[in-house]
Amino acid sequence: MERLLLGRDAPVNGVTSLERGLQILNLLIEVEGDVVRRTRGVAIQQVANELGVHKSTASRLMRSLVAQGFAVPNAGSRGFRLGPAVRVHQSLTMDERSLRELAHPFLEQLVLATGECAHAAVASGAWALVIDDVETNQPLRVVAGRGRRVPLHCTSAGKCLLAYGLASMPHELTGRTSRTITNPDMLRLHLAEIVARGYALDDEENDPGVRCISAPVFNALGEAIGCVGIDGPLVRISDSRIEELAGHVTTAAKRLSDTIAERGPTSASEADEEDTTVAMASP
């Protein structure tokens, strides 16, 4: 049988970059299931030894997995752990799963209405987790990246989740740009403004030259469960267009909330049962 060779994935000694990436992913999954090894993570040298490649090749492959959300640097060590792109379904509540299942067509409509990339996000510990995204066909675009975790205090998704009580205020407000709010009292006032106007704006607070707008999504009980929004370059999300674009975002969030509400409230027992099932199936 002939093998289709695609650019950089052409085999070297019969092994493609994709196959090596999958080997690393399997190693990350194995380590994630070991309480002791999990604390150290997977070191680059370990990956090089397992794959029989040079350390620089192992580092490049790991960077690719990190960029796509399949691996993350392990806090407190120089190793890596399984990323949110792999765990994206395992830790979601029933409401968050409903958001994930139903959001996509609304994100597609947002892209058509605004010309910018659209995202859906939920709270995940000390981060906002992007659970779905749709890209625009604009040559210059800002992609959220499904499975990526982004900071709470300086992104529109994160601030929206904070404002509506879905996440706790971070202990450290790291300055990502000169526009990042790093004072806790100022951030609390800012979050109150977000609730008052119904949407959050990231005004070059996480990345220079990038603006993002997010609005909350609610369940049948009127409880916030996540958010949807857009990401784009400053040259297109200009001061004069913020209100117009925010209107599209809040309208999409409202329509998605109405669709979720039509399913009716999720019972606590159903959520508990689902969480138990997932926990038992996960390593």
C-alpha atoms as a PDB file:
ATOM      1  CA  MET A   1       0.000   0.000   0.000  1.00  0.00           C
ATOM      2  CA  GLU A   2       1.366   3.412  -0.932  1.00  0.00           C
ATOM      3  CA  ARG A   3       1.841   5.985   1.824  1.00  0.00           C
ATOM      4  CA  LEU A   4       0.902   9.617   1.298  1.00  0.00           C
ATOM      5  CA  LEU A   5       3.776  11.886   2.293  1.00  0.00           C
ATOM      6  CA  LEU A   6       2.915  15.423   3.374  1.00  0.00           C
ATOM      7  CA  GLY A   7       5.798  17.895   3.606  1.00  0.00           C
ATOM      8  CA  ARG A   8       7.427  17.872   7.034  1.00  0.00           C
ATOM      9  CA  ASP A   9       5.654  14.629   7.954  1.00  0.00           C
ATOM     10  CA  ALA A  10       7.686  12.657   5.393  1.00  0.00           C
ATOM     11  CA  PRO A  11       9.254   9.696   7.179  1.00  0.00           C
ATOM     12  CA  VAL A  12      12.756   9.738   8.548  1.00  0.00           C
ATOM     13  CA  ASN A  13      13.899   6.133   8.985  1.00  0.00           C
ATOM     14  CA  GLY A  14      10.279   5.085   8.515  1.00  0.00           C
ATOM     15  CA  VAL A  15       8.872   7.276  11.313  1.00  0.00           C
ATOM     16  CA  THR A  16       6.895  10.449  10.610  1.00  0.00           C
ATOM     17  CA  SER A  17       6.664  13.550  12.777  1.00  0.00           C
ATOM     18  CA  LEU A  18       2.996  12.697  13.334  1.00  0.00           C
ATOM     19  CA  GLU A  19       3.882   9.229  14.622  1.00  0.00           C
ATOM     20  CA  ARG A  20       6.505  10.694  16.928  1.00  0.00           C
ATOM     21  CA  GLY A  21       4.014  13.257  18.189  1.00  0.00           C
ATOM     22  CA  LEU A  22       1.564  10.454  18.977  1.00  0.00           C
ATOM     23  CA  GLN A  23       4.309   8.568  20.820  1.00  0.00           C
ATOM     24  CA  ILE A  24       4.902  11.655  22.978  1.00  0.00           C
ATOM     25  CA  LEU A  25       1.153  11.992  23.556  1.00  0.00           C
ATOM     26  CA  ASN A  26       0.956   8.389  24.725  1.00  0.00           C
ATOM     27  CA  LEU A  27       3.876   9.040  27.079  1.00  0.00           C
ATOM     28  CA  LEU A  28       2.125  12.114  28.492  1.00  0.00           C
ATOM     29  CA  ILE A  29      -1.074  10.096  29.038  1.00  0.00           C
ATOM     30  CA  GLU A  30       0.892   7.330  30.773  1.00  0.00           C
ATOM     31  CA  VAL A  31       2.634   9.785  33.104  1.00  0.00           C
ATOM     32  CA  GLU A  32      -0.627  11.636  33.835  1.00  0.00           C
ATOM     33  CA  GLY A  33      -2.036   8.406  35.286  1.00  0.00           C
ATOM     34  CA  ASP A  34       0.903   7.959  37.678  1.00  0.00           C
ATOM     35  CA  VAL A  35       0.580  10.075  40.838  1.00  0.00           C
ATOM     36  CA  VAL A  36       4.337  10.137  41.454  1.00  0.00           C
ATOM     37  CA  ARG A  37       5.535  10.720  37.882  1.00  0.00           C
ATOM     38  CA  ARG A  38       2.794  13.291  37.256  1.00  0.00           C
ATOM     39  CA  THR A  39       4.395  15.748  39.692  1.00  0.00           C
ATOM     40  CA  ARG A  40       7.626  15.716  37.661  1.00  0.00           C
ATOM     41  CA  GLY A  41       6.062  15.613  34.216  1.00  0.00           C
ATOM     42  CA  VAL A  42       7.824  14.401  31.088  1.00  0.00           C
ATOM     43  CA  ALA A  43      11.305  15.842  30.496  1.00  0.00           C
ATOM     44  CA  ILE A  44      12.636  16.625  27.029  1.00  0.00           C
ATOM     45  CA  GLN A  45      15.573  14.260  27.590  1.00  0.00           C
ATOM     46  CA  GLN A  46      13.118  11.490  28.479  1.00  0.00           C
ATOM     47  CA  VAL A  47      11.235  12.120  25.224  1.00  0.00           C
ATOM     48  CA  ALA A  48      14.517  12.028  23.269  1.00  0.00           C
ATOM     49  CA  ASN A  49      15.444   8.707  24.890  1.00  0.00           C
ATOM     50  CA  GLU A  50      12.003   7.164  24.295  1.00  0.00           C
ATOM     51  CA  LEU A  51      11.945   8.199  20.621  1.00  0.00           C
ATOM     52  CA  GLY A  52      15.633   7.659  19.944  1.00  0.00           C
ATOM     53  CA  VAL A  53      16.054  11.190  18.564  1.00  0.00           C
ATOM     54  CA  HIS A  54      18.241  14.192  19.275  1.00  0.00           C
ATOM     55  CA  LYS A  55      17.169  16.417  22.168  1.00  0.00           C
ATOM     56  CA  SER A  56      16.558  19.355  19.777  1.00  0.00           C
ATOM     57  CA  THR A  57      14.119  17.209  17.748  1.00  0.00           C
ATOM     58  CA  ALA A  58      12.289  16.163  20.916  1.00  0.00           C
ATOM     59  CA  SER A  59      12.085  19.816  21.985  1.00  0.00           C
ATOM     60  CA  ARG A  60      10.640  20.856  18.606  1.00  0.00           C
ATOM     61  CA  LEU A  61       8.002  18.127  18.726  1.00  0.00           C
ATOM     62  CA  MET A  62       7.019  19.052  22.280  1.00  0.00           C
ATOM     63  CA  ARG A  63       6.712  22.736  21.298  1.00  0.00           C
ATOM     64  CA  SER A  64       4.263  21.701  18.569  1.00  0.00           C
ATOM     65  CA  LEU A  65       2.138  19.809  21.106  1.00  0.00           C
ATOM     66  CA  VAL A  66       2.207  22.778  23.491  1.00  0.00           C
ATOM     67  CA  ALA A  67       1.169  25.174  20.704  1.00  0.00           C
ATOM     68  CA  GLN A  68      -1.906  23.028  19.991  1.00  0.00           C
ATOM     69  CA  GLY A  69      -2.848  22.583  23.665  1.00  0.00           C
ATOM     70  CA  PHE A  70      -1.941  18.868  23.865  1.00  0.00           C
ATOM     71  CA  ALA A  71       0.864  19.509  26.365  1.00  0.00           C
ATOM     72  CA  VAL A  72       1.617  22.190  28.954  1.00  0.00           C
ATOM     73  CA  PRO A  73       4.752  23.087  30.928  1.00  0.00           C
ATOM     74  CA  ASN A  74       4.606  21.492  34.374  1.00  0.00           C
ATOM     75  CA  ALA A  75       4.682  24.053  37.179  1.00  0.00           C
ATOM     76  CA  GLY A  76       7.608  23.494  39.526  1.00  0.00           C
ATOM     77  CA  SER A  77       9.661  21.360  37.145  1.00  0.00           C
ATOM     78  CA  ARG A  78      11.176  21.500  33.677  1.00  0.00           C
ATOM     79  CA  GLY A  79       8.883  18.751  32.440  1.00  0.00           C
ATOM     80  CA  PHE A  80       5.562  18.735  30.575  1.00  0.00           C
ATOM     81  CA  ARG A  81       2.104  17.366  31.340  1.00  0.00           C
ATOM     82  CA  LEU A  82      -0.992  16.437  29.389  1.00  0.00           C
ATOM     83  CA  GLY A  83      -2.664  19.568  28.034  1.00  0.00           C
ATOM     84  CA  PRO A  84      -6.269  20.832  28.064  1.00  0.00           C
ATOM     85  CA  ALA A  85      -6.918  19.855  24.437  1.00  0.00           C
ATOM     86  CA  VAL A  86      -6.893  16.211  25.548  1.00  0.00           C
ATOM     87  CA  ARG A  87      -8.864  16.822  28.734  1.00  0.00           C
ATOM     88  CA  VAL A  88     -11.349  19.307  27.263  1.00  0.00           C
ATOM     89  CA  HIS A  89     -14.359  16.957  27.591  1.00  0.00           C
ATOM     90  CA  GLN A  90     -13.318  15.238  30.804  1.00  0.00           C
ATOM     91  CA  SER A  91     -13.762  18.149  33.191  1.00  0.00           C
ATOM     92  CA  LEU A  92     -16.793  19.903  31.725  1.00  0.00           C
ATOM     93  CA  THR A  93     -20.061  20.139  33.655  1.00  0.00           C
ATOM     94  CA  MET A  94     -23.350  19.247  32.009  1.00  0.00           C
ATOM     95  CA  ASP A  95     -24.054  22.939  31.318  1.00  0.00           C
ATOM     96  CA  GLU A  96     -20.612  23.401  29.807  1.00  0.00           C
ATOM     97  CA  ARG A  97     -21.129  20.360  27.599  1.00  0.00           C
ATOM     98  CA  SER A  98     -24.394  21.875  26.384  1.00  0.00           C
ATOM     99  CA  LEU A  99     -22.510  25.062  25.565  1.00  0.00           C
ATOM    100  CA  ARG A 100     -19.865  23.081  23.688  1.00  0.00           C
ATOM    101  CA  GLU A 101     -22.445  21.076  21.739  1.00  0.00           C
ATOM    102  CA  LEU A 102     -24.610  24.031  20.743  1.00  0.00           C
ATOM    103  CA  ALA A 103     -22.165  26.918  20.326  1.00  0.00           C
ATOM    104  CA  HIS A 104     -20.618  26.125  16.950  1.00  0.00           C
ATOM    105  CA  PRO A 105     -23.341  27.471  14.594  1.00  0.00           C
ATOM    106  CA  PHE A 106     -23.558  30.653  16.660  1.00  0.00           C
ATOM    107  CA  LEU A 107     -19.789  31.085  16.380  1.00  0.00           C
ATOM    108  CA  GLU A 108     -20.053  30.609  12.629  1.00  0.00           C
ATOM    109  CA  GLN A 109     -22.716  33.334  12.509  1.00  0.00           C
ATOM    110  CA  LEU A 110     -20.456  35.613  14.552  1.00  0.00           C
ATOM    111  CA  VAL A 111     -17.626  35.136  12.069  1.00  0.00           C
ATOM    112  CA  LEU A 112     -19.955  36.009   9.183  1.00  0.00           C
ATOM    113  CA  ALA A 113     -21.350  39.063  10.991  1.00  0.00           C
ATOM    114  CA  THR A 114     -18.043  40.485  12.242  1.00  0.00           C
ATOM    115  CA  GLY A 115     -15.343  39.111   9.960  1.00  0.00           C
ATOM    116  CA  GLU A 116     -13.333  38.033  13.022  1.00  0.00           C
ATOM    117  CA  CYS A 117     -12.488  34.685  14.614  1.00  0.00           C
ATOM    118  CA  ALA A 118     -15.017  33.557  17.221  1.00  0.00           C
ATOM    119  CA  HIS A 119     -14.625  31.507  20.399  1.00  0.00           C
ATOM    120  CA  ALA A 120     -16.536  29.837  23.226  1.00  0.00           C
ATOM    121  CA  ALA A 121     -14.889  29.494  26.645  1.00  0.00           C
ATOM    122  CA  VAL A 122     -15.530  28.211  30.158  1.00  0.00           C
ATOM    123  CA  ALA A 123     -13.700  28.480  33.466  1.00  0.00           C
ATOM    124  CA  SER A 124     -11.018  25.875  34.139  1.00  0.00           C
ATOM    125  CA  GLY A 125      -9.350  26.439  37.489  1.00  0.00           C
ATOM    126  CA  ALA A 126      -7.142  29.515  37.289  1.00  0.00           C
ATOM    127  CA  TRP A 127      -7.663  29.834  33.525  1.00  0.00           C
ATOM    128  CA  ALA A 128     -10.277  30.338  30.844  1.00  0.00           C
ATOM    129  CA  LEU A 129     -10.488  27.259  28.604  1.00  0.00           C
ATOM    130  CA  VAL A 130     -11.396  27.700  24.928  1.00  0.00           C
ATOM    131  CA  ILE A 131     -13.794  24.839  24.161  1.00  0.00           C
ATOM    132  CA  ASP A 132     -14.577  25.796  20.560  1.00  0.00           C
ATOM    133  CA  ASP A 133     -13.465  28.299  17.958  1.00  0.00           C
ATOM    134  CA  VAL A 134     -14.190  29.200  14.347  1.00  0.00           C
ATOM    135  CA  GLU A 135     -11.677  30.996  12.146  1.00  0.00           C
ATOM    136  CA  THR A 136     -12.314  33.815   9.707  1.00  0.00           C
ATOM    137  CA  ASN A 137     -10.823  33.710   6.215  1.00  0.00           C
ATOM    138  CA  GLN A 138      -9.196  37.113   6.702  1.00  0.00           C
ATOM    139  CA  PRO A 139      -5.433  36.969   5.953  1.00  0.00           C
ATOM    140  CA  LEU A 140      -4.723  38.840   9.201  1.00  0.00           C
ATOM    141  CA  ARG A 141      -6.563  37.070  12.001  1.00  0.00           C
ATOM    142  CA  VAL A 142      -6.331  36.181  15.689  1.00  0.00           C
ATOM    143  CA  VAL A 143      -7.109  32.537  16.456  1.00  0.00           C
ATOM    144  CA  ALA A 144      -8.165  31.574  19.995  1.00  0.00           C
ATOM    145  CA  GLY A 145      -7.297  27.900  19.499  1.00  0.00           C
ATOM    146  CA  ARG A 146      -9.605  25.186  20.800  1.00  0.00           C
ATOM    147  CA  GLY A 147      -8.148  23.559  23.904  1.00  0.00           C
ATOM    148  CA  ARG A 148      -6.000  26.558  24.815  1.00  0.00           C
ATOM    149  CA  ARG A 149      -5.995  28.015  28.312  1.00  0.00           C
ATOM    150  CA  VAL A 150      -5.806  31.808  28.553  1.00  0.00           C
ATOM    151  CA  PRO A 151      -5.377  34.121  31.578  1.00  0.00           C
ATOM    152  CA  LEU A 152      -8.437  35.270  33.502  1.00  0.00           C
ATOM    153  CA  HIS A 153      -7.457  38.846  34.318  1.00  0.00           C
ATOM    154  CA  CYS A 154      -6.370  40.153  30.917  1.00  0.00           C
ATOM    155  CA  THR A 155      -8.513  38.431  28.267  1.00  0.00           C
ATOM    156  CA  SER A 156     -12.111  39.187  27.364  1.00  0.00           C
ATOM    157  CA  ALA A 157     -13.145  35.571  27.988  1.00  0.00           C
ATOM    158  CA  GLY A 158     -11.343  35.446  31.326  1.00  0.00           C
ATOM    159  CA  LYS A 159     -12.700  38.786  32.548  1.00  0.00           C
ATOM    160  CA  CYS A 160     -16.207  37.788  31.496  1.00  0.00           C
ATOM    161  CA  LEU A 161     -15.943  34.589  33.537  1.00  0.00           C
ATOM    162  CA  LEU A 162     -14.591  36.545  36.519  1.00  0.00           C
ATOM    163  CA  ALA A 163     -17.288  39.200  36.275  1.00  0.00           C
ATOM    164  CA  TYR A 164     -20.100  36.641  36.329  1.00  0.00           C
ATOM    165  CA  GLY A 165     -18.674  34.626  39.213  1.00  0.00           C
ATOM    166  CA  LEU A 166     -17.489  31.597  37.244  1.00  0.00           C
ATOM    167  CA  ALA A 167     -13.878  31.922  38.362  1.00  0.00           C
ATOM    168  CA  SER A 168     -11.973  33.277  41.355  1.00  0.00           C
ATOM    169  CA  MET A 169      -9.777  36.348  41.260  1.00  0.00           C
ATOM    170  CA  PRO A 170      -6.174  35.282  40.509  1.00  0.00           C
ATOM    171  CA  HIS A 171      -3.677  35.753  43.329  1.00  0.00           C
ATOM    172  CA  GLU A 172      -1.216  37.367  40.937  1.00  0.00           C
ATOM    173  CA  LEU A 173      -2.226  39.838  38.220  1.00  0.00           C
ATOM    174  CA  THR A 174       0.765  39.522  35.923  1.00  0.00           C
ATOM    175  CA  GLY A 175       1.309  42.383  33.507  1.00  0.00           C
ATOM    176  CA  ARG A 176       1.201  40.925  30.007  1.00  0.00           C
ATOM    177  CA  THR A 177       1.306  44.325  28.284  1.00  0.00           C
ATOM    178  CA  SER A 178       1.426  47.947  29.366  1.00  0.00           C
ATOM    179  CA  ARG A 179      -2.397  47.948  29.341  1.00  0.00           C
ATOM    180  CA  THR A 180      -2.946  44.947  31.654  1.00  0.00           C
ATOM    181  CA  ILE A 181      -4.860  45.772  34.852  1.00  0.00           C
ATOM    182  CA  THR A 182      -2.561  44.622  37.674  1.00  0.00           C
ATOM    183  CA  ASN A 183      -4.278  46.325  40.629  1.00  0.00           C
ATOM    184  CA  PRO A 184      -6.919  44.068  42.286  1.00  0.00           C
ATOM    185  CA  ASP A 185      -9.191  46.956  43.314  1.00  0.00           C
ATOM    186  CA  MET A 186      -9.128  48.433  39.817  1.00  0.00           C
ATOM    187  CA  LEU A 187      -9.891  45.035  38.339  1.00  0.00           C
ATOM    188  CA  ARG A 188     -12.893  44.579  40.660  1.00  0.00           C
ATOM    189  CA  LEU A 189     -14.281  47.947  39.519  1.00  0.00           C
ATOM    190  CA  HIS A 190     -13.642  46.934  35.914  1.00  0.00           C
ATOM    191  CA  LEU A 191     -15.526  43.648  36.418  1.00  0.00           C
ATOM    192  CA  ALA A 192     -18.525  45.559  37.781  1.00  0.00           C
ATOM    193  CA  GLU A 193     -18.486  47.672  34.608  1.00  0.00           C
ATOM    194  CA  ILE A 194     -18.490  44.490  32.514  1.00  0.00           C
ATOM    195  CA  VAL A 195     -21.666  43.263  34.214  1.00  0.00           C
ATOM    196  CA  ALA A 196     -23.283  46.685  33.805  1.00  0.00           C
ATOM    197  CA  ARG A 197     -22.688  46.843  30.044  1.00  0.00           C
ATOM    198  CA  GLY A 198     -23.079  43.096  29.350  1.00  0.00           C
ATOM    199  CA  TYR A 199     -19.746  42.324  27.686  1.00  0.00           C
ATOM    200  CA  ALA A 200     -16.001  42.264  28.357  1.00  0.00           C
ATOM    201  CA  LEU A 201     -13.335  43.944  26.242  1.00  0.00           C
ATOM    202  CA  ASP A 202      -9.687  42.940  26.115  1.00  0.00           C
ATOM    203  CA  ASP A 203      -8.102  46.202  24.964  1.00  0.00           C
ATOM    204  CA  GLU A 204      -4.574  45.024  24.093  1.00  0.00           C
ATOM    205  CA  GLU A 205      -4.263  43.697  27.654  1.00  0.00           C
ATOM    206  CA  ASN A 206      -2.998  40.216  26.722  1.00  0.00           C
ATOM    207  CA  ASP A 207      -1.331  40.826  23.357  1.00  0.00           C
ATOM    208  CA  PRO A 208      -0.296  44.146  21.769  1.00  0.00           C
ATOM    209  CA  GLY A 209      -2.344  45.012  18.708  1.00  0.00           C
ATOM    210  CA  VAL A 210      -5.155  42.585  19.595  1.00  0.00           C
ATOM    211  CA  ARG A 211      -8.648  43.271  20.892  1.00  0.00           C
ATOM    212  CA  CYS A 212     -11.248  40.708  21.977  1.00  0.00           C
ATOM    213  CA  ILE A 213     -14.895  40.977  23.022  1.00  0.00           C
ATOM    214  CA  SER A 214     -16.813  38.342  25.019  1.00  0.00           C
ATOM    215  CA  ALA A 215     -20.345  38.103  26.439  1.00  0.00           C
ATOM    216  CA  PRO A 216     -21.831  35.655  28.951  1.00  0.00           C
ATOM    217  CA  VAL A 217     -23.988  32.655  28.102  1.00  0.00           C
ATOM    218  CA  PHE A 218     -26.664  31.511  30.566  1.00  0.00           C
ATOM    219  CA  ASN A 219     -28.475  28.237  31.251  1.00  0.00           C
ATOM    220  CA  ALA A 220     -32.199  27.653  31.711  1.00  0.00           C
ATOM    221  CA  LEU A 221     -31.981  28.788  35.338  1.00  0.00           C
ATOM    222  CA  GLY A 222     -30.446  32.119  34.368  1.00  0.00           C
ATOM    223  CA  GLU A 223     -27.007  31.128  35.674  1.00  0.00           C
ATOM    224  CA  ALA A 224     -23.898  32.099  33.720  1.00  0.00           C
ATOM    225  CA  ILE A 225     -22.110  29.003  32.388  1.00  0.00           C
ATOM    226  CA  GLY A 226     -19.497  30.395  29.983  1.00  0.00           C
ATOM    227  CA  CYS A 227     -19.039  32.964  27.249  1.00  0.00           C
ATOM    228  CA  VAL A 228     -18.706  33.498  23.528  1.00  0.00           C
ATOM    229  CA  GLY A 229     -16.798  36.212  21.744  1.00  0.00           C
ATOM    230  CA  ILE A 230     -14.520  37.394  18.968  1.00  0.00           C
ATOM    231  CA  ASP A 231     -10.799  38.044  18.609  1.00  0.00           C
ATOM    232  CA  GLY A 232      -9.232  40.387  16.077  1.00  0.00           C
ATOM    233  CA  PRO A 233      -6.508  42.874  15.234  1.00  0.00           C
ATOM    234  CA  LEU A 234      -6.692  46.447  16.509  1.00  0.00           C
ATOM    235  CA  VAL A 235      -6.812  47.760  12.950  1.00  0.00           C
ATOM    236  CA  ARG A 236     -10.260  46.198  12.473  1.00  0.00           C
ATOM    237  CA  ILE A 237     -11.649  46.264  16.018  1.00  0.00           C
ATOM    238  CA  SER A 238     -11.221  50.028  16.141  1.00  0.00           C
ATOM    239  CA  ASP A 239     -12.688  52.412  18.714  1.00  0.00           C
ATOM    240  CA  SER A 240     -15.464  53.347  16.314  1.00  0.00           C
ATOM    241  CA  ARG A 241     -16.508  49.698  15.823  1.00  0.00           C
ATOM    242  CA  ILE A 242     -16.390  48.359  19.384  1.00  0.00           C
ATOM    243  CA  GLU A 243     -20.068  49.017  20.170  1.00  0.00           C
ATOM    244  CA  GLU A 244     -21.215  47.598  16.833  1.00  0.00           C
ATOM    245  CA  LEU A 245     -19.145  44.429  17.226  1.00  0.00           C
ATOM    246  CA  ALA A 246     -20.127  44.081  20.890  1.00  0.00           C
ATOM    247  CA  GLY A 247     -23.750  44.169  19.754  1.00  0.00           C
ATOM    248  CA  HIS A 248     -23.156  41.180  17.492  1.00  0.00           C
ATOM    249  CA  VAL A 249     -21.432  39.299  20.332  1.00  0.00           C
ATOM    250  CA  THR A 250     -24.146  39.970  22.922  1.00  0.00           C
ATOM    251  CA  THR A 251     -26.852  39.034  20.396  1.00  0.00           C
ATOM    252  CA  ALA A 252     -25.124  35.727  19.660  1.00  0.00           C
ATOM    253  CA  ALA A 253     -24.725  35.057  23.384  1.00  0.00           C
ATOM    254  CA  LYS A 254     -28.419  35.804  23.986  1.00  0.00           C
ATOM    255  CA  ARG A 255     -29.567  33.527  21.162  1.00  0.00           C
ATOM    256  CA  LEU A 256     -27.293  30.737  22.343  1.00  0.00           C
ATOM    257  CA  SER A 257     -28.602  31.170  25.902  1.00  0.00           C
ATOM    258  CA  ASP A 258     -32.174  30.910  24.610  1.00  0.00           C
ATOM    259  CA  THR A 259     -31.311  27.716  22.731  1.00  0.00           C
ATOM    260  CA  ILE A 260     -29.733  26.192  25.835  1.00  0.00           C
ATOM    261  CA  ALA A 261     -32.753  27.225  27.893  1.00  0.00           C
ATOM    262  CA  GLU A 262     -35.047  25.352  25.510  1.00  0.00           C
ATOM    263  CA  ARG A 263     -33.388  22.150  26.678  1.00  0.00           C
ATOM    264  CA  GLY A 264     -34.567  22.884  30.200  1.00  0.00           C
ATOM    265  CA  PRO A 265     -32.618  22.937  33.482  1.00  0.00           C
ATOM    266  CA  THR A 266     -29.963  20.311  34.093  1.00  0.00           C
ATOM    267  CA  SER A 267     -30.617  18.370  37.293  1.00  0.00           C
ATOM    268  CA  ALA A 268     -27.873  18.061  39.905  1.00  0.00           C
ATOM    269  CA  SER A 269     -28.279  14.277  39.904  1.00  0.00           C
ATOM    270  CA  GLU A 270     -27.624  14.092  36.148  1.00  0.00           C
ATOM    271  CA  ALA A 271     -24.526  16.223  36.533  1.00  0.00           C
ATOM    272  CA  ASP A 272     -23.251  14.121  39.430  1.00  0.00           C
ATOM    273  CA  GLU A 273     -23.860  10.913  37.475  1.00  0.00           C
ATOM    274  CA  GLU A 274     -22.028  12.244  34.428  1.00  0.00           C
ATOM    275  CA  ASP A 275     -19.090  13.490  36.476  1.00  0.00           C
ATOM    276  CA  THR A 276     -18.784  10.101  38.189  1.00  0.00           C
ATOM    277  CA  THR A 277     -18.796   8.312  34.841  1.00  0.00           C
ATOM    278  CA  VAL A 278     -16.092  10.546  33.438  1.00  0.00           C
ATOM    279  CA  ALA A 279     -13.963  10.261  36.560  1.00  0.00           C
ATOM    280  CA  MET A 280     -14.138   6.447  36.449  1.00  0.00           C
ATOM    281  CA  ALA A 281     -13.227   6.367  32.768  1.00  0.00           C
ATOM    282  CA  SER A 282     -10.268   8.705  33.180  1.00  0.00           C
ATOM    283  CA  PRO A 283      -6.858   7.553  34.383  1.00  0.00           C
END
